[in-house]
Amino acid sequence: MDASPPCTRLPALAAPPRALTPDEEREFAFFGCVLLEDVISPAERAPLSAMADEVFAMRGDDVSLAFERGEGGAPRLCRVEGFVPRHAGFAELAAERLAPLAARLLGAREAFLFKEKLNLKRARGGGGYAAHFDGPSAAAAGLARRFVTAQVAVDDQTVANGCLQAVMPRSACPWFDDAEGAEEGAAAARVMVAPTDGDPDAGGRVGAIDPALAAGLPWQALPCRAGSVLLFHGLFPHRSPANASAADRRTAYFIFNAADDGGDCHEAYKLVMAAQRAAAGEARRAAERAAAEAAL
């Protein structure tokens, strides 16, 4: 493992972690999401930004890096996954501030971090991602079934830089009719399509919504300020367009599962994903070998 970069941390909480109000819980039940602007204070935005920079500097086999094609076709970093074990600042944010909120929304005594990623959407064209649900994608690992995602805005999320778009309220989402309490409800399954290209930002993600259906849904932009936390349900349909602004935009995502639904799956999930990546790589190499032999 490569040496970790310096580790910035948010100030320790001087009081018990922020709890959800009854109105916020009702908002989550109605819309499938709730936006909180005081989990991270304005004074903590600068250290949060430094934390993100430290993660993007990480290298090593214990973190997963994703790249996109930049100008001239050169690869450029756009995502880091699996960084919490190496970054005390993000580990504390996830465990002390986000997990209690997720546990409440999951109706659980405790919630565990299932997976995390930090996205970097580059200025002037940094790629977005297609419409999907987080829940089925996470459940595909076979470790847990129900999830809540916490989006943490490292930078301001604007329409120009490709902020999250979603379909709300839940009554506008027919897949909720028989999926309450289960991420693999039959209604959700009817609107999903099988992965097609292995690209989680396009059609390769388990949980991808049929593009023909997505085109007709009433999408709403969800801009928010740096430091905001958006909590959403595992069957909350969302997508994100490209960044058309002149500045890069960073966003962290933390997905949680309940203690009584799989327990602490974080390391197990990383092992499952590593095995899947290895298998996909071997399948790709086998296809390349077959194509080369066929050309002889």
Protein backbone atom coordinates (compact mmCIF):
# COMPACT_ATOMS: atom_id res chain seq x y z
CA MET A 1 0.00 0.00 0.00
CA ASP A 2 1.30 3.44 -0.86
CA ALA A 3 1.86 5.88 1.97
CA SER A 4 -1.23 7.88 2.77
CA PRO A 5 -1.21 11.66 2.17
CA PRO A 6 -1.68 14.10 5.06
CA CYS A 7 -5.09 13.71 6.67
CA THR A 8 -7.29 16.72 7.38
CA ARG A 9 -10.14 16.21 9.82
CA LEU A 10 -13.28 18.14 10.66
CA PRO A 11 -13.43 19.52 14.22
CA ALA A 12 -14.66 17.04 16.79
CA LEU A 13 -18.34 17.38 17.61
CA ALA A 14 -18.89 19.31 20.81
CA ALA A 15 -22.42 17.95 21.19
CA PRO A 16 -24.34 14.81 20.22
CA PRO A 17 -24.60 14.37 16.43
CA ARG A 18 -27.37 16.19 14.64
CA ALA A 19 -30.65 14.23 14.64
CA LEU A 20 -33.50 14.31 12.16
CA THR A 21 -36.64 16.21 13.07
CA PRO A 22 -40.09 14.68 12.60
CA ASP A 23 -40.69 17.09 9.69
CA GLU A 24 -37.49 15.93 8.01
CA GLU A 25 -38.46 12.30 8.42
CA ARG A 26 -41.85 13.06 6.83
CA GLU A 27 -40.08 14.87 4.00
CA PHE A 28 -37.91 11.83 3.35
CA ALA A 29 -40.99 9.57 3.36
CA PHE A 30 -42.82 11.83 0.90
CA PHE A 31 -40.03 12.79 -1.49
CA GLY A 32 -37.58 9.91 -1.05
CA CYS A 33 -34.90 12.39 0.02
CA VAL A 34 -34.15 15.13 2.52
CA LEU A 35 -31.59 17.95 2.23
CA LEU A 36 -29.70 18.97 5.39
CA GLU A 37 -27.56 22.12 5.36
CA ASP A 38 -26.21 22.06 8.92
CA VAL A 39 -24.53 18.66 9.25
CA ILE A 40 -21.34 20.38 8.09
CA SER A 41 -20.94 24.02 9.12
CA PRO A 42 -19.80 26.83 6.79
CA ALA A 43 -16.51 26.98 8.73
CA GLU A 44 -15.91 23.30 7.93
CA ARG A 45 -16.17 23.68 4.16
CA ALA A 46 -12.47 24.51 3.76
CA PRO A 47 -11.26 21.41 5.64
CA LEU A 48 -13.81 19.32 3.74
CA SER A 49 -12.30 20.58 0.48
CA ALA A 50 -8.80 19.72 1.71
CA MET A 51 -9.99 16.23 2.67
CA ALA A 52 -11.25 15.69 -0.87
CA ASP A 53 -7.93 16.82 -2.36
CA GLU A 54 -6.13 14.33 -0.11
CA VAL A 55 -8.31 11.49 -1.34
CA PHE A 56 -7.71 12.36 -4.99
CA ALA A 57 -3.97 12.13 -4.28
CA MET A 58 -4.30 8.56 -2.97
CA ARG A 59 -2.78 5.67 -4.89
CA GLY A 60 -2.46 2.00 -4.02
CA ASP A 61 -4.19 -1.34 -4.39
CA ASP A 62 -6.60 -0.63 -1.54
CA VAL A 63 -8.36 2.20 -3.38
CA SER A 64 -10.14 1.96 -6.71
CA LEU A 65 -9.54 4.70 -9.27
CA ALA A 66 -11.71 5.46 -12.30
CA PHE A 67 -10.72 7.54 -15.30
CA GLU A 68 -12.49 9.26 -18.17
CA ARG A 69 -11.17 10.54 -21.49
CA GLY A 70 -10.16 14.18 -21.43
CA GLU A 71 -9.05 16.50 -24.17
CA GLY A 72 -7.06 14.67 -26.80
CA GLY A 73 -8.20 11.32 -25.41
CA ALA A 74 -5.83 11.40 -22.44
CA PRO A 75 -7.17 9.64 -19.32
CA ARG A 76 -8.01 11.83 -16.34
CA LEU A 77 -9.08 10.83 -12.84
CA CYS A 78 -12.81 11.14 -12.17
CA ARG A 79 -13.54 8.90 -9.16
CA VAL A 80 -11.91 7.28 -6.12
CA GLU A 81 -13.61 4.48 -4.17
CA GLY A 82 -12.76 2.65 -0.97
CA PHE A 83 -10.84 5.51 0.66
CA VAL A 84 -12.44 5.68 4.12
CA PRO A 85 -10.10 3.14 5.79
CA ARG A 86 -7.16 5.36 4.79
CA HIS A 87 -8.67 8.72 5.70
CA ALA A 88 -9.56 9.37 9.34
CA GLY A 89 -11.37 12.60 8.48
CA PHE A 90 -13.85 10.93 6.14
CA ALA A 91 -14.09 7.91 8.46
CA GLU A 92 -15.18 10.21 11.30
CA LEU A 93 -17.63 12.09 9.07
CA ALA A 94 -19.23 8.83 7.97
CA ALA A 95 -19.40 7.19 11.39
CA GLU A 96 -20.20 10.16 13.63
CA ARG A 97 -22.38 12.42 11.51
CA LEU A 98 -23.86 10.43 8.63
CA ALA A 99 -24.39 6.90 9.96
CA PRO A 100 -26.80 7.96 12.76
CA LEU A 101 -28.96 9.80 10.22
CA ALA A 102 -28.96 6.81 7.87
CA ALA A 103 -29.84 4.46 10.74
CA ARG A 104 -32.87 6.54 11.60
CA LEU A 105 -34.11 6.51 8.01
CA LEU A 106 -33.49 2.75 7.76
CA GLY A 107 -35.43 2.19 11.00
CA ALA A 108 -32.36 0.52 12.48
CA ARG A 109 -30.50 0.77 15.79
CA GLU A 110 -27.26 1.25 13.84
CA ALA A 111 -26.10 1.72 10.26
CA PHE A 112 -22.80 0.67 8.72
CA LEU A 113 -20.93 2.19 5.81
CA PHE A 114 -21.39 -0.16 2.86
CA LYS A 115 -19.40 1.70 0.20
CA GLU A 116 -18.13 5.18 -0.61
CA LYS A 117 -16.90 7.11 -3.61
CA LEU A 118 -15.63 10.60 -4.33
CA ASN A 119 -16.51 11.93 -7.77
CA LEU A 120 -14.60 14.61 -9.63
CA LYS A 121 -16.62 16.14 -12.42
CA ARG A 122 -14.15 18.08 -14.52
CA ALA A 123 -14.82 21.58 -15.86
CA ARG A 124 -16.21 22.02 -19.36
CA GLY A 125 -17.49 18.56 -20.08
CA GLY A 126 -16.71 16.29 -17.15
CA GLY A 127 -19.03 13.32 -17.60
CA GLY A 128 -22.31 12.78 -15.80
CA TYR A 129 -24.09 9.50 -15.24
CA ALA A 130 -27.22 7.87 -16.53
CA ALA A 131 -30.50 7.43 -14.61
CA HIS A 132 -30.34 4.67 -12.02
CA PHE A 133 -31.15 3.48 -8.49
CA ASP A 134 -28.37 2.99 -5.92
CA GLY A 135 -30.16 0.22 -4.02
CA PRO A 136 -30.19 -2.56 -6.64
CA SER A 137 -26.61 -1.73 -7.60
CA ALA A 138 -25.42 -2.15 -4.00
CA ALA A 139 -27.64 -5.19 -3.42
CA ALA A 140 -26.08 -6.98 -6.40
CA ALA A 141 -23.09 -7.83 -4.17
CA GLY A 142 -25.41 -10.13 -2.20
CA LEU A 143 -24.45 -8.70 1.19
CA ALA A 144 -27.40 -6.45 2.16
CA ARG A 145 -30.79 -5.46 0.72
CA ARG A 146 -31.77 -1.99 1.95
CA PHE A 147 -29.74 1.20 1.67
CA VAL A 148 -29.67 4.93 2.27
CA THR A 149 -27.22 7.14 0.39
CA ALA A 150 -25.69 10.34 1.79
CA GLN A 151 -24.49 12.78 -0.86
CA VAL A 152 -21.98 15.26 0.56
CA ALA A 153 -21.41 18.35 -1.57
CA VAL A 154 -17.71 19.23 -1.39
CA ASP A 155 -18.31 22.11 -3.82
CA ASP A 156 -21.49 24.02 -4.65
CA GLN A 157 -23.73 21.81 -6.78
CA THR A 158 -25.35 23.91 -9.52
CA VAL A 159 -27.35 23.32 -12.66
CA ALA A 160 -24.35 24.52 -14.67
CA ASN A 161 -21.92 22.05 -13.11
CA GLY A 162 -24.23 19.06 -13.37
CA CYS A 163 -25.98 18.78 -10.01
CA LEU A 164 -28.08 15.76 -9.16
CA GLN A 165 -31.41 15.39 -10.94
CA ALA A 166 -34.19 13.28 -9.43
CA VAL A 167 -37.83 12.26 -9.79
CA MET A 168 -40.00 13.43 -6.89
CA PRO A 169 -42.23 12.95 -4.97
CA ARG A 170 -42.40 9.23 -4.36
CA SER A 171 -45.95 9.20 -5.72
CA ALA A 172 -44.44 10.06 -9.13
CA CYS A 173 -42.36 6.87 -8.96
CA PRO A 174 -44.45 3.77 -9.73
CA TRP A 175 -41.68 1.43 -8.52
CA PHE A 176 -42.40 2.38 -4.92
CA ASP A 177 -45.85 0.77 -4.98
CA ASP A 178 -44.67 -2.69 -3.96
CA ALA A 179 -41.05 -2.07 -2.99
CA GLU A 180 -41.42 -0.57 0.47
CA GLY A 181 -38.81 -2.14 2.69
CA ALA A 182 -37.19 -4.10 -0.14
CA GLU A 183 -34.72 -2.86 -2.70
CA GLU A 184 -35.61 -5.59 -5.18
CA GLY A 185 -39.34 -4.98 -5.50
CA ALA A 186 -41.05 -6.23 -8.64
CA ALA A 187 -42.07 -2.71 -9.64
CA ALA A 188 -38.47 -1.49 -9.57
CA ALA A 189 -37.35 -4.52 -11.55
CA ARG A 190 -39.78 -3.65 -14.33
CA VAL A 191 -38.13 -0.29 -15.02
CA MET A 192 -34.53 -1.47 -14.90
CA VAL A 193 -32.46 -2.78 -17.78
CA ALA A 194 -29.57 -5.21 -17.83
CA PRO A 195 -26.07 -3.71 -17.88
CA THR A 196 -24.83 -3.33 -21.45
CA ASP A 197 -21.32 -1.91 -21.55
CA GLY A 198 -19.60 -2.27 -18.20
CA ASP A 199 -19.46 1.50 -17.69
CA PRO A 200 -21.18 2.46 -14.41
CA ASP A 201 -21.60 6.01 -15.70
CA ALA A 202 -23.54 4.82 -18.73
CA GLY A 203 -25.37 1.53 -19.25
CA GLY A 204 -23.16 -0.81 -17.25
CA ARG A 205 -24.60 -0.25 -13.79
CA VAL A 206 -26.93 -2.72 -12.10
CA GLY A 207 -29.98 -0.63 -11.29
CA ALA A 208 -29.86 1.37 -14.54
CA ILE A 209 -33.29 2.71 -15.50
CA ASP A 210 -34.59 1.97 -18.98
CA PRO A 211 -33.50 5.02 -21.05
CA ALA A 212 -36.83 5.10 -22.88
CA LEU A 213 -38.68 5.34 -19.56
CA ALA A 214 -36.18 7.80 -18.09
CA ALA A 215 -36.70 10.17 -21.02
CA GLY A 216 -40.35 10.61 -20.05
CA LEU A 217 -39.91 11.12 -16.30
CA PRO A 218 -40.34 14.54 -14.61
CA TRP A 219 -36.71 15.16 -13.62
CA GLN A 220 -35.96 18.00 -11.20
CA ALA A 221 -32.55 19.55 -10.53
CA LEU A 222 -31.40 19.51 -6.90
CA PRO A 223 -28.76 22.25 -6.50
CA CYS A 224 -27.21 22.71 -3.07
CA ARG A 225 -24.39 24.55 -1.34
CA ALA A 226 -20.99 23.14 -0.42
CA GLY A 227 -21.24 21.23 2.85
CA SER A 228 -24.85 20.18 2.28
CA VAL A 229 -25.89 16.57 2.85
CA LEU A 230 -28.64 15.01 0.74
CA LEU A 231 -29.97 11.73 2.12
CA PHE A 232 -31.93 9.54 -0.26
CA HIS A 233 -33.66 6.17 -0.46
CA GLY A 234 -32.17 3.20 -2.30
CA LEU A 235 -34.96 3.41 -4.89
CA PHE A 236 -34.61 7.16 -5.42
CA PRO A 237 -34.20 7.61 -9.19
CA HIS A 238 -31.39 10.00 -10.00
CA ARG A 239 -28.97 11.02 -12.72
CA SER A 240 -26.46 13.79 -13.40
CA PRO A 241 -25.57 15.70 -16.58
CA ALA A 242 -22.07 16.78 -17.62
CA ASN A 243 -20.32 19.73 -16.01
CA ALA A 244 -20.69 22.70 -18.36
CA SER A 245 -19.12 25.20 -15.96
CA ALA A 246 -15.57 26.57 -15.87
CA ALA A 247 -14.68 24.88 -12.55
CA ASP A 248 -14.27 21.30 -11.40
CA ARG A 249 -16.95 19.94 -9.06
CA ARG A 250 -16.45 17.34 -6.32
CA THR A 251 -19.11 15.22 -4.63
CA ALA A 252 -18.79 12.40 -2.10
CA TYR A 253 -21.30 9.57 -1.75
CA PHE A 254 -21.65 7.26 1.26
CA ILE A 255 -24.04 4.32 1.07
CA PHE A 256 -25.22 2.76 4.35
CA ASN A 257 -26.98 -0.49 5.26
CA ALA A 258 -28.70 -1.43 8.51
CA ALA A 259 -26.94 -3.41 11.24
CA ASP A 260 -29.66 -6.05 11.08
CA ASP A 261 -29.37 -6.27 7.28
CA GLY A 262 -25.92 -7.65 6.61
CA GLY A 263 -24.02 -5.89 9.39
CA ASP A 264 -20.62 -4.42 8.61
CA CYS A 265 -20.12 -5.32 4.92
CA HIS A 266 -17.54 -2.72 3.96
CA GLU A 267 -14.50 -4.97 3.57
CA ALA A 268 -16.58 -7.83 2.18
CA TYR A 269 -17.98 -5.51 -0.48
CA LYS A 270 -14.49 -4.41 -1.50
CA LEU A 271 -13.48 -8.07 -1.90
CA VAL A 272 -16.57 -8.82 -4.01
CA MET A 273 -15.86 -5.84 -6.25
CA ALA A 274 -12.18 -6.79 -6.61
CA ALA A 275 -13.19 -10.30 -7.66
CA GLN A 276 -15.69 -8.94 -10.17
CA ARG A 277 -13.12 -6.57 -11.66
CA ALA A 278 -10.62 -9.43 -11.97
CA ALA A 279 -13.21 -11.63 -13.67
CA ALA A 280 -14.20 -8.83 -16.05
CA GLY A 281 -10.56 -8.23 -16.93
CA GLU A 282 -9.99 -11.91 -17.64
CA ALA A 283 -13.13 -12.06 -19.80
CA ARG A 284 -11.94 -9.03 -21.76
CA ARG A 285 -8.50 -10.58 -22.30
CA ALA A 286 -10.08 -13.85 -23.40
CA ALA A 287 -12.23 -12.00 -25.94
CA GLU A 288 -9.18 -10.17 -27.25
CA ARG A 289 -7.27 -13.44 -27.60
CA ALA A 290 -10.19 -15.05 -29.45
CA ALA A 291 -10.46 -12.07 -31.80
CA ALA A 292 -6.72 -12.22 -32.50
CA GLU A 293 -6.86 -15.96 -33.21
CA ALA A 294 -9.86 -15.51 -35.50
CA ALA A 295 -7.91 -12.93 -37.50
CA LEU A 296 -5.04 -15.35 -38.22
